Amino acid sequence: MSRGLRFSVLVVAVSFALAAAAVASAHSPVARAAGGCSYNWKAYGYSYLDKLTVIRTSCRTGRYVVHHHGHLRGWRCTRARLGSSSFQYNERVNCKSRGRWVKWTFTQNT
């Protein structure tokens, strides 16, 4: 096979591969991995919101769940006290609903 023919075959093969990848990505659902979210730490009723993480949901939903302290229909939440002193305590909250997770930690002054 001549050098020019090999190059042409290679160009055609790469073009088909790129076209197939574009079609597959256009029709496949978007997977969301765990990620941290930005937030205004004063807007949720806690003294300090330390960390907010979501899995398989949006940051907007995560902020909504945190704002309601996990007291929403369809969401099950567990709390764990991480530490406390005479003037404050730290907790971690994990909320789950249909495969979606919202996790946050906060500090509350007493």
Protein backbone atom coordinates (compact mmCIF):
# COMPACT_ATOMS: atom_id res chain seq x y z
CA MET A 1 0.00 0.00 0.00
CA SER A 2 1.40 3.38 -0.94
CA ARG A 3 2.09 6.10 1.57
CA GLY A 4 -0.65 8.40 0.20
CA LEU A 5 -3.26 5.63 0.29
CA ARG A 6 -2.38 4.72 3.90
CA PHE A 7 -2.74 8.38 4.91
CA SER A 8 -6.15 8.62 3.18
CA VAL A 9 -7.38 5.45 4.93
CA LEU A 10 -6.18 6.82 8.26
CA VAL A 11 -7.97 10.15 7.71
CA VAL A 12 -11.22 8.37 6.81
CA ALA A 13 -10.96 6.06 9.85
CA VAL A 14 -10.35 8.95 12.24
CA SER A 15 -13.24 10.90 10.70
CA PHE A 16 -15.62 7.97 11.23
CA ALA A 17 -14.43 7.51 14.81
CA LEU A 18 -14.97 11.20 15.62
CA ALA A 19 -18.40 11.20 14.00
CA ALA A 20 -19.44 8.08 15.95
CA ALA A 21 -18.23 9.63 19.22
CA ALA A 22 -20.18 12.82 18.53
CA VAL A 23 -23.39 10.90 17.82
CA ALA A 24 -22.96 8.74 20.94
CA SER A 25 -22.32 11.72 23.19
CA ALA A 26 -25.31 13.60 21.81
CA HIS A 27 -27.72 10.80 22.78
CA SER A 28 -26.21 9.53 26.02
CA PRO A 29 -27.44 10.78 29.40
CA VAL A 30 -25.15 13.04 31.37
CA ALA A 31 -23.63 11.33 34.39
CA ARG A 32 -23.00 13.47 37.43
CA ALA A 33 -20.27 12.47 39.83
CA ALA A 34 -19.90 13.71 43.35
CA GLY A 35 -18.96 17.31 43.54
CA GLY A 36 -18.69 20.23 45.88
CA CYS A 37 -20.97 23.21 45.51
CA SER A 38 -20.58 26.89 46.11
CA TYR A 39 -22.85 28.42 48.73
CA ASN A 40 -23.33 31.41 50.95
CA TRP A 41 -22.46 29.97 54.35
CA LYS A 42 -24.76 32.36 56.26
CA ALA A 43 -28.00 31.74 54.38
CA TYR A 44 -29.02 28.37 55.81
CA GLY A 45 -29.76 28.93 59.51
CA TYR A 46 -26.50 27.43 60.74
CA SER A 47 -23.72 29.45 62.31
CA TYR A 48 -21.34 28.14 59.63
CA LEU A 49 -21.98 25.82 56.70
CA ASP A 50 -18.61 24.12 56.29
CA LYS A 51 -19.04 21.86 53.25
CA LEU A 52 -21.74 20.91 50.74
CA THR A 53 -21.41 17.89 48.45
CA VAL A 54 -23.96 16.44 46.01
CA ILE A 55 -24.07 13.09 44.23
CA ARG A 56 -26.31 12.52 41.19
CA THR A 57 -28.16 15.78 41.66
CA SER A 58 -27.60 19.47 41.07
CA CYS A 59 -26.04 21.99 43.42
CA ARG A 60 -29.32 23.90 43.31
CA THR A 61 -31.16 20.89 44.74
CA GLY A 62 -28.43 20.45 47.32
CA ARG A 63 -28.76 24.05 48.48
CA TYR A 64 -32.55 23.62 48.65
CA VAL A 65 -32.25 20.51 50.84
CA VAL A 66 -29.73 22.23 53.12
CA HIS A 67 -31.92 25.33 53.40
CA HIS A 68 -34.76 23.11 54.68
CA HIS A 69 -32.36 21.20 56.98
CA GLY A 70 -33.33 17.96 55.20
CA HIS A 71 -36.98 18.16 56.31
CA LEU A 72 -38.50 17.53 52.88
CA ARG A 73 -40.91 14.89 51.70
CA GLY A 74 -39.06 12.01 50.04
CA TRP A 75 -35.69 12.74 51.66
CA ARG A 76 -34.29 10.54 54.46
CA CYS A 77 -31.53 12.11 56.52
CA THR A 78 -29.07 10.90 59.11
CA ARG A 79 -27.05 13.12 61.42
CA ALA A 80 -23.77 12.48 63.16
CA ARG A 81 -22.29 14.72 65.85
CA LEU A 82 -18.63 15.22 64.99
CA GLY A 83 -17.60 17.22 68.01
CA SER A 84 -18.88 19.64 70.60
CA SER A 85 -17.76 22.11 73.21
CA SER A 86 -19.56 24.30 75.71
CA PHE A 87 -20.29 26.92 73.05
CA GLN A 88 -20.65 25.07 69.71
CA TYR A 89 -21.03 21.70 67.98
CA ASN A 90 -20.23 20.24 64.55
CA GLU A 91 -22.50 17.84 62.67
CA ARG A 92 -22.48 15.94 59.41
CA VAL A 93 -25.82 15.37 57.64
CA ASN A 94 -26.39 12.84 54.84
CA CYS A 95 -29.72 12.98 53.00
CA LYS A 96 -30.84 10.50 50.35
CA SER A 97 -33.74 10.44 47.92
CA ARG A 98 -34.10 7.94 45.04
CA GLY A 99 -30.36 7.48 44.51
CA ARG A 100 -29.52 11.15 44.96
CA TRP A 101 -27.36 12.27 47.88
CA VAL A 102 -26.82 15.63 49.54
CA LYS A 103 -24.14 15.77 52.23
CA TRP A 104 -23.09 18.70 54.34
CA THR A 105 -21.26 19.59 57.52
CA PHE A 106 -21.98 22.58 59.68
CA THR A 107 -21.00 24.31 62.90
CA GLN A 108 -23.69 25.65 65.21
CA ASN A 109 -22.99 28.06 68.02
CA THR A 110 -25.09 27.35 71.12
